[in-house]
């Protein structure tokens, strides 16, 4: 049995909230964060929440958690000459008003409308330990490790990559057939089925082999031996480490930290009924809208 969307109380509530905000409804309910929120029995906020990468960011309003790591502040510049100058920064692709600049690494920010309701957020430079961050490096030296979070794990990863660089060069200059070389690059190809994933893995192995062939040719042109020495392998590992850390990560006390900024609501201390639109949560019919 189908339940027409027009007769669904949640949908009607959704249309009311959108109209009150002066916005246009999304006629694809599954794409609407507000609609899903109402279906879950939650009240709509009194104002539309800030956006994060174009998606409604309810948690940044309702939660006291620290959101990190985020990109550092980028100054907002008026889009037209008629637009008034404001002190604002981009956070997750959304402009935020700068209420107070405390230092070069900390400021208080807010949003239009929310500022009038007393909402303020602290935005500050805060490296986040890698085991507590969604941003991470993935370990290839041991698939069971998953995320690289310590300096010791980073050492193992860099050594693994350096040894593979050497091994791939050895394969590239060998007299084996191309097929055997591919198996040396990716041993899993031996048991791979002729599926899309299998063909993609084979193509990736061929790209790595081609790169190793080019590297071997470059070494020969420079008068270097085909197989790198132990000193070259060590130097490769060090360069690889620098490249991994550069710009995004740093080390401290044996841990990896993701460099970045953080955002946290500091006022009001708690949200109250005045921060939500009045009205009881809309009830959701037991009959599925999708059947």
Protein backbone atom coordinates (compact mmCIF):
# COMPACT_ATOMS: atom_id res chain seq x y z
CA UNK A 1 0.00 0.00 0.00
CA UNK A 2 1.36 3.41 -0.94
CA UNK A 3 1.11 6.52 1.21
CA UNK A 4 0.96 9.66 -0.96
CA UNK A 5 3.72 12.03 0.02
CA UNK A 6 1.27 14.93 0.09
CA UNK A 7 -0.70 13.31 2.93
CA UNK A 8 2.37 12.52 5.02
CA UNK A 9 2.49 14.69 8.20
CA UNK A 10 6.28 14.77 8.09
CA UNK A 11 6.24 16.07 4.53
CA UNK A 12 3.67 18.72 5.40
CA UNK A 13 5.78 19.81 8.36
CA UNK A 14 8.82 19.91 6.09
CA UNK A 15 7.03 22.19 3.62
CA UNK A 16 5.96 24.51 6.45
CA UNK A 17 9.50 24.84 7.80
CA UNK A 18 11.00 25.45 4.37
CA UNK A 19 8.38 28.07 3.54
CA UNK A 20 8.97 29.85 6.86
CA UNK A 21 12.67 30.08 5.99
CA UNK A 22 11.86 31.55 2.58
CA UNK A 23 13.48 28.63 0.80
CA UNK A 24 12.44 26.21 -1.91
CA UNK A 25 11.56 22.61 -0.98
CA UNK A 26 13.58 19.68 -2.21
CA UNK A 27 11.15 17.45 -4.08
CA UNK A 28 13.46 14.49 -3.56
CA UNK A 29 12.89 13.83 0.17
CA UNK A 30 15.77 11.37 0.49
CA UNK A 31 18.14 14.20 -0.48
CA UNK A 32 16.88 16.53 2.27
CA UNK A 33 18.68 16.58 5.62
CA UNK A 34 15.76 18.48 7.15
CA UNK A 35 13.26 15.88 5.98
CA UNK A 36 15.34 13.05 7.46
CA UNK A 37 15.63 15.05 10.67
CA UNK A 38 11.86 15.43 10.90
CA UNK A 39 11.34 11.74 10.15
CA UNK A 40 13.62 10.95 13.08
CA UNK A 41 11.30 12.94 15.36
CA UNK A 42 13.68 15.87 15.83
CA UNK A 43 12.53 19.46 15.93
CA UNK A 44 13.72 21.92 13.27
CA UNK A 45 16.10 24.62 14.42
CA UNK A 46 14.74 28.13 14.69
CA UNK A 47 17.12 29.13 11.87
CA UNK A 48 18.70 27.12 9.07
CA UNK A 49 22.01 25.68 10.30
CA UNK A 50 25.37 26.69 8.82
CA UNK A 51 26.56 24.67 5.86
CA UNK A 52 29.55 22.36 5.65
CA UNK A 53 30.57 21.66 2.06
CA UNK A 54 27.02 22.64 1.00
CA UNK A 55 25.33 20.28 3.49
CA UNK A 56 23.37 21.44 6.57
CA UNK A 57 25.66 21.27 9.62
CA UNK A 58 23.25 20.58 12.48
CA UNK A 59 25.89 19.14 14.79
CA UNK A 60 27.94 22.33 14.85
CA UNK A 61 24.91 24.11 16.34
CA UNK A 62 23.59 21.42 18.68
CA UNK A 63 26.79 19.72 19.78
CA UNK A 64 29.57 20.90 22.07
CA UNK A 65 32.10 18.61 20.39
CA UNK A 66 35.31 19.85 18.82
CA UNK A 67 35.24 19.56 15.04
CA UNK A 68 38.77 18.92 13.79
CA UNK A 69 40.85 18.90 11.75
CA UNK A 70 39.53 21.68 9.55
CA UNK A 71 41.33 23.80 7.00
CA UNK A 72 42.92 27.01 8.23
CA UNK A 73 41.13 30.32 7.77
CA UNK A 74 40.84 31.83 4.31
CA UNK A 75 39.71 35.45 4.22
CA UNK A 76 36.33 36.09 2.66
CA UNK A 77 36.41 38.57 -0.21
CA UNK A 78 33.29 40.36 -1.51
CA UNK A 79 31.93 38.84 -4.69
CA UNK A 80 30.86 42.21 -6.10
CA UNK A 81 31.94 45.83 -5.67
CA UNK A 82 28.56 46.69 -4.13
CA UNK A 83 28.89 44.06 -1.41
CA UNK A 84 29.85 45.63 1.94
CA UNK A 85 33.20 44.75 3.46
CA UNK A 86 32.92 42.30 6.34
CA UNK A 87 35.49 40.49 8.44
CA UNK A 88 34.76 36.89 7.60
CA UNK A 89 36.57 33.63 6.90
CA UNK A 90 35.71 30.51 4.96
CA UNK A 91 35.13 27.36 7.03
CA UNK A 92 34.20 24.22 5.12
CA UNK A 93 33.34 26.36 2.08
CA UNK A 94 30.95 28.60 4.04
CA UNK A 95 31.68 32.20 5.14
CA UNK A 96 31.64 32.79 8.91
CA UNK A 97 31.63 36.22 10.54
CA UNK A 98 34.68 37.01 12.66
CA UNK A 99 33.35 38.37 15.95
CA UNK A 100 36.75 38.73 17.61
CA UNK A 101 40.33 38.04 16.58
CA UNK A 102 42.16 36.83 19.67
CA UNK A 103 45.47 36.02 17.94
CA UNK A 104 46.84 34.76 14.65
CA UNK A 105 45.85 31.27 15.70
CA UNK A 106 42.50 31.85 17.39
CA UNK A 107 39.28 33.77 16.75
CA UNK A 108 35.62 33.85 17.71
CA UNK A 109 33.21 33.37 14.81
CA UNK A 110 29.48 33.18 14.24
CA UNK A 111 26.77 33.16 11.60
CA UNK A 112 24.23 35.76 10.55
CA UNK A 113 21.09 35.30 12.60
CA UNK A 114 22.75 32.92 15.01
CA UNK A 115 24.92 35.75 16.29
CA UNK A 116 21.79 37.66 17.32
CA UNK A 117 20.72 34.60 19.32
CA UNK A 118 24.00 34.62 21.23
CA UNK A 119 25.74 31.83 19.33
CA UNK A 120 29.51 32.00 19.15
CA UNK A 121 32.11 29.46 18.15
CA UNK A 122 35.78 29.24 18.93
CA UNK A 123 37.91 28.65 15.81
CA UNK A 124 41.56 27.93 16.54
CA UNK A 125 44.71 26.17 15.38
CA UNK A 126 44.67 22.68 16.86
CA UNK A 127 46.75 19.78 15.55
CA UNK A 128 44.80 16.56 16.12
CA UNK A 129 46.44 13.27 17.05
CA UNK A 130 46.12 10.90 14.12
CA UNK A 131 44.34 8.18 16.10
CA UNK A 132 41.64 10.72 16.99
CA UNK A 133 41.26 12.20 13.52
CA UNK A 134 39.21 11.17 10.51
CA UNK A 135 42.10 12.31 8.31
CA UNK A 136 44.81 9.68 8.22
CA UNK A 137 47.47 7.82 6.28
CA UNK A 138 46.78 4.20 5.39
CA UNK A 139 49.36 1.49 6.12
CA UNK A 140 50.40 -0.61 3.13
CA UNK A 141 53.18 -2.53 4.87
CA UNK A 142 50.60 -4.47 6.90
CA UNK A 143 46.94 -4.35 5.90
CA UNK A 144 45.85 -5.33 9.39
CA UNK A 145 47.28 -2.08 10.80
CA UNK A 146 44.83 0.16 8.96
CA UNK A 147 45.70 3.72 9.98
CA UNK A 148 49.22 5.03 10.53
CA UNK A 149 49.15 6.89 13.84
CA UNK A 150 52.68 6.66 15.27
CA UNK A 151 56.21 7.55 14.18
CA UNK A 152 57.21 3.88 14.41
CA UNK A 153 54.45 2.89 12.00
CA UNK A 154 55.51 5.68 9.66
CA UNK A 155 59.07 4.31 9.71
CA UNK A 156 57.78 0.88 8.67
CA UNK A 157 55.63 2.34 5.90
CA UNK A 158 58.50 4.37 4.45
CA UNK A 159 60.84 1.38 4.58
CA UNK A 160 58.17 -0.73 2.87
CA UNK A 161 57.75 1.81 0.07
CA UNK A 162 61.51 2.13 -0.40
CA UNK A 163 61.98 -1.64 -0.61
CA UNK A 164 59.16 -1.85 -3.14
CA UNK A 165 60.81 0.87 -5.20
CA UNK A 166 63.98 -1.22 -5.32
CA UNK A 167 62.08 -4.45 -6.06
CA UNK A 168 60.12 -2.85 -8.89
CA UNK A 169 63.35 -1.62 -10.50
CA UNK A 170 64.78 -5.13 -10.30
CA UNK A 171 61.65 -6.47 -11.97
CA UNK A 172 61.70 -3.77 -14.65
CA UNK A 173 65.26 -4.59 -15.82
CA UNK A 174 64.82 -8.37 -15.63
CA UNK A 175 64.48 -10.58 -18.70
CA UNK A 176 61.13 -12.00 -17.65
CA UNK A 177 58.04 -11.64 -19.82
CA UNK A 178 55.66 -8.76 -19.20
CA UNK A 179 53.12 -11.15 -17.69
CA UNK A 180 55.62 -12.52 -15.18
CA UNK A 181 56.72 -8.98 -14.34
CA UNK A 182 53.13 -8.00 -13.61
CA UNK A 183 52.82 -10.96 -11.24
CA UNK A 184 55.95 -9.74 -9.51
CA UNK A 185 54.49 -6.26 -9.14
CA UNK A 186 51.16 -7.59 -7.80
CA UNK A 187 51.20 -11.26 -6.71
CA UNK A 188 47.42 -11.17 -6.20
CA UNK A 189 47.01 -11.12 -9.99
CA UNK A 190 47.82 -14.84 -10.08
CA UNK A 191 44.40 -15.68 -8.64
CA UNK A 192 42.52 -12.68 -10.02
CA UNK A 193 39.29 -13.35 -11.92
CA UNK A 194 38.43 -11.62 -15.18
CA UNK A 195 36.18 -9.06 -13.52
CA UNK A 196 36.14 -5.28 -13.63
CA UNK A 197 38.10 -5.15 -10.37
CA UNK A 198 40.57 -7.71 -11.67
CA UNK A 199 41.13 -5.71 -14.85
CA UNK A 200 41.55 -2.50 -12.86
CA UNK A 201 44.16 -4.18 -10.62
CA UNK A 202 46.01 -5.43 -13.70
CA UNK A 203 45.97 -1.93 -15.21
CA UNK A 204 47.31 -0.49 -11.96
CA UNK A 205 50.12 -3.06 -11.91
CA UNK A 206 50.99 -2.20 -15.51
CA UNK A 207 51.19 1.49 -14.60
CA UNK A 208 53.57 0.70 -11.73
CA UNK A 209 55.68 -1.45 -14.02
CA UNK A 210 55.80 1.27 -16.68
CA UNK A 211 56.90 3.78 -14.07
CA UNK A 212 59.64 1.43 -12.89
CA UNK A 213 60.83 1.01 -16.50
CA UNK A 214 61.05 4.78 -16.90
CA UNK A 215 62.92 5.10 -13.59
CA UNK A 216 65.37 2.40 -14.70
CA UNK A 217 65.98 4.22 -17.99
CA UNK A 218 66.58 7.48 -16.15
CA UNK A 219 69.07 5.77 -13.84
CA UNK A 220 70.91 4.28 -16.81
CA UNK A 221 71.12 7.70 -18.48
CA UNK A 222 72.65 9.09 -15.30
CA UNK A 223 75.20 6.30 -15.11
CA UNK A 224 73.63 4.74 -12.02
CA UNK A 225 73.40 0.98 -11.44
CA UNK A 226 70.09 -0.65 -12.30
CA UNK A 227 69.56 -1.81 -8.70
CA UNK A 228 69.76 0.92 -6.03
CA UNK A 229 72.29 0.57 -3.24
CA UNK A 230 71.29 0.29 0.42
CA UNK A 231 72.21 3.96 0.85
CA UNK A 232 69.88 4.93 -2.00
CA UNK A 233 67.06 2.89 -0.51
CA UNK A 234 67.54 4.64 2.83
CA UNK A 235 67.57 8.04 1.13
CA UNK A 236 64.37 7.13 -0.73
CA UNK A 237 62.70 6.21 2.56
CA UNK A 238 63.70 9.55 4.06
CA UNK A 239 62.39 11.49 1.06
CA UNK A 240 59.17 9.52 1.16
CA UNK A 241 58.76 10.35 4.84
CA UNK A 242 59.27 14.07 4.21
CA UNK A 243 56.70 14.03 1.41
CA UNK A 244 54.12 12.26 3.59
CA UNK A 245 54.53 14.72 6.44
CA UNK A 246 54.79 17.87 4.37
CA UNK A 247 51.84 20.22 4.70
CA UNK A 248 49.42 18.02 6.64
CA UNK A 249 51.13 16.00 9.37
CA UNK A 250 53.65 16.54 12.14
CA UNK A 251 55.29 14.36 14.79
CA UNK A 252 55.34 14.81 18.53
CA UNK A 253 56.33 12.38 21.29
CA UNK A 254 56.14 9.41 18.95
CA UNK A 255 52.66 10.26 17.66
CA UNK A 256 51.52 11.62 14.33
CA UNK A 257 49.36 14.74 14.42
CA UNK A 258 47.14 16.07 11.65
CA UNK A 259 47.78 19.77 11.28
CA UNK A 260 44.67 21.90 11.11
CA UNK A 261 42.15 24.08 12.88
CA UNK A 262 39.18 23.26 15.11
CA UNK A 263 35.70 24.68 15.63
CA UNK A 264 33.59 24.43 18.80
CA UNK A 265 30.44 26.14 20.04
CA UNK A 266 31.19 28.12 23.19
CA UNK A 267 27.88 29.91 23.67
CA UNK A 268 25.16 29.40 24.59
CA UNK A 269 26.18 26.78 27.11
CA UNK A 270 23.13 24.68 26.24
CA UNK A 271 20.33 24.86 23.70
CA UNK A 272 16.80 25.49 24.91
CA UNK A 273 13.28 25.42 23.46
CA UNK A 274 13.80 28.93 22.12
CA UNK A 275 16.36 27.57 19.67
CA UNK A 276 13.80 25.33 17.96
CA UNK A 277 10.65 26.08 16.02
CA UNK A 278 7.50 25.58 18.10
CA UNK A 279 5.21 22.67 17.47
CA UNK A 280 5.12 18.98 18.30
CA UNK A 281 7.26 16.66 16.20
CA UNK A 282 5.36 15.37 13.19
CA UNK A 283 4.33 11.72 13.39
CA UNK A 284 5.61 9.33 10.78
CA UNK A 285 3.09 6.93 9.18
CA UNK A 286 3.84 3.27 9.72
CA UNK A 287 3.33 2.58 6.03
CA UNK A 288 6.49 3.00 3.96
CA UNK A 289 6.54 5.83 1.46
CA UNK A 290 8.67 3.73 -0.85
CA UNK A 291 6.55 0.58 -1.15
